[in-house]
């Protein structure tokens, strides 16, 4: 497969494929000025990338806290009883 074929197959940009090949992440070789890839190597690369990404998502899913926690309101008890009022004398009218 050529760079354009691999880019089309992986739905990626040709420059991305060339960067992966130059970094040694995607197995391939140069023949003349063209990069050549084996279909089996591209599938192995894709399968490994899928496994790696899936494992990372599983770890993230286990480590994340829930978005919201359901909390119940405490039951409301009866209001406290008011203290009994003692008989207080009425104020005297001092205006007279």
Protein backbone atom coordinates (compact mmCIF):
# COMPACT_ATOMS: atom_id res chain seq x y z
CA UNK A 1 0.00 0.00 0.00
CA UNK A 2 1.15 3.55 -0.71
CA UNK A 3 0.85 6.50 1.69
CA UNK A 4 -2.36 7.67 0.00
CA UNK A 5 -3.87 4.17 0.27
CA UNK A 6 -3.06 3.91 3.98
CA UNK A 7 -4.34 7.44 4.60
CA UNK A 8 -7.62 6.58 2.88
CA UNK A 9 -7.89 3.26 4.73
CA UNK A 10 -7.27 4.87 8.15
CA UNK A 11 -9.25 8.05 7.36
CA UNK A 12 -6.17 10.10 8.14
CA UNK A 13 -4.09 12.74 6.40
CA UNK A 14 -1.16 11.54 4.29
CA UNK A 15 1.21 13.71 6.34
CA UNK A 16 0.03 11.98 9.53
CA UNK A 17 0.81 8.59 7.97
CA UNK A 18 4.27 9.78 6.96
CA UNK A 19 4.94 11.11 10.49
CA UNK A 20 3.89 7.75 11.99
CA UNK A 21 6.17 5.92 9.54
CA UNK A 22 9.13 8.24 10.17
CA UNK A 23 8.69 7.79 13.94
CA UNK A 24 8.68 4.01 13.53
CA UNK A 25 5.15 3.65 14.90
CA UNK A 26 3.68 2.44 11.63
CA UNK A 27 5.83 -0.26 9.98
CA UNK A 28 6.83 0.64 6.44
CA UNK A 29 9.82 1.20 4.23
CA UNK A 30 10.92 3.57 1.55
CA UNK A 31 11.43 2.26 -1.94
CA UNK A 32 12.94 5.09 -3.90
CA UNK A 33 10.97 8.17 -2.89
CA UNK A 34 7.76 6.34 -1.97
CA UNK A 35 6.74 4.80 1.32
CA UNK A 36 5.40 1.24 1.05
CA UNK A 37 3.28 -0.48 3.71
CA UNK A 38 2.02 -4.04 4.02
CA UNK A 39 -1.73 -4.34 4.57
CA UNK A 40 -1.14 -6.82 7.43
CA UNK A 41 1.17 -4.32 9.17
CA UNK A 42 -1.40 -1.54 8.83
CA UNK A 43 -4.10 -3.79 10.31
CA UNK A 44 -1.79 -4.82 13.16
CA UNK A 45 -1.03 -1.14 13.86
CA UNK A 46 -4.73 -0.31 13.83
CA UNK A 47 -5.63 -3.24 16.08
CA UNK A 48 -2.93 -2.26 18.61
CA UNK A 49 -4.09 1.37 18.57
CA UNK A 50 -7.71 0.31 19.13
CA UNK A 51 -6.70 -1.96 22.03
CA UNK A 52 -4.59 0.81 23.61
CA UNK A 53 -7.33 3.44 23.30
CA UNK A 54 -10.01 1.08 24.60
CA UNK A 55 -7.91 0.18 27.65
CA UNK A 56 -7.32 3.87 28.39
CA UNK A 57 -11.06 4.60 28.20
CA UNK A 58 -11.79 1.73 30.57
CA UNK A 59 -9.27 3.04 33.11
CA UNK A 60 -10.72 6.55 32.82
CA UNK A 61 -14.25 5.23 33.26
CA UNK A 62 -13.27 3.44 36.47
CA UNK A 63 -11.44 6.46 37.90
CA UNK A 64 -14.08 9.08 37.28
CA UNK A 65 -16.47 10.15 39.96
CA UNK A 66 -20.15 10.14 39.16
CA UNK A 67 -21.44 13.36 37.65
CA UNK A 68 -24.03 13.76 40.40
CA UNK A 69 -24.81 12.10 43.67
CA UNK A 70 -28.40 11.66 44.69
CA UNK A 71 -28.88 12.90 48.22
CA UNK A 72 -32.09 12.59 50.16
CA UNK A 73 -33.32 15.38 52.34
CA UNK A 74 -33.60 14.54 56.01
CA UNK A 75 -37.15 14.12 57.16
CA UNK A 76 -38.50 17.24 58.71
CA UNK A 77 -39.51 16.78 62.31
CA UNK A 78 -42.24 18.72 64.06
CA UNK A 79 -41.20 22.23 65.03
CA UNK A 80 -39.98 22.53 68.58
CA UNK A 81 -42.63 23.37 71.16
CA UNK A 82 -42.64 26.96 72.33
CA UNK A 83 -42.01 27.51 76.00
CA UNK A 84 -45.07 28.23 78.07
CA UNK A 85 -45.57 31.90 78.78
CA UNK A 86 -45.99 32.85 82.38
CA UNK A 87 -48.57 35.36 83.31
CA UNK A 88 -46.81 38.62 83.03
CA UNK A 89 -48.32 41.83 84.36
CA UNK A 90 -49.46 44.20 81.72
CA UNK A 91 -47.46 47.39 81.47
CA UNK A 92 -48.98 50.32 83.35
CA UNK A 93 -50.27 53.24 81.46
CA UNK A 94 -48.04 56.14 82.57
CA UNK A 95 -49.63 58.78 80.33
CA UNK A 96 -52.37 59.60 82.84
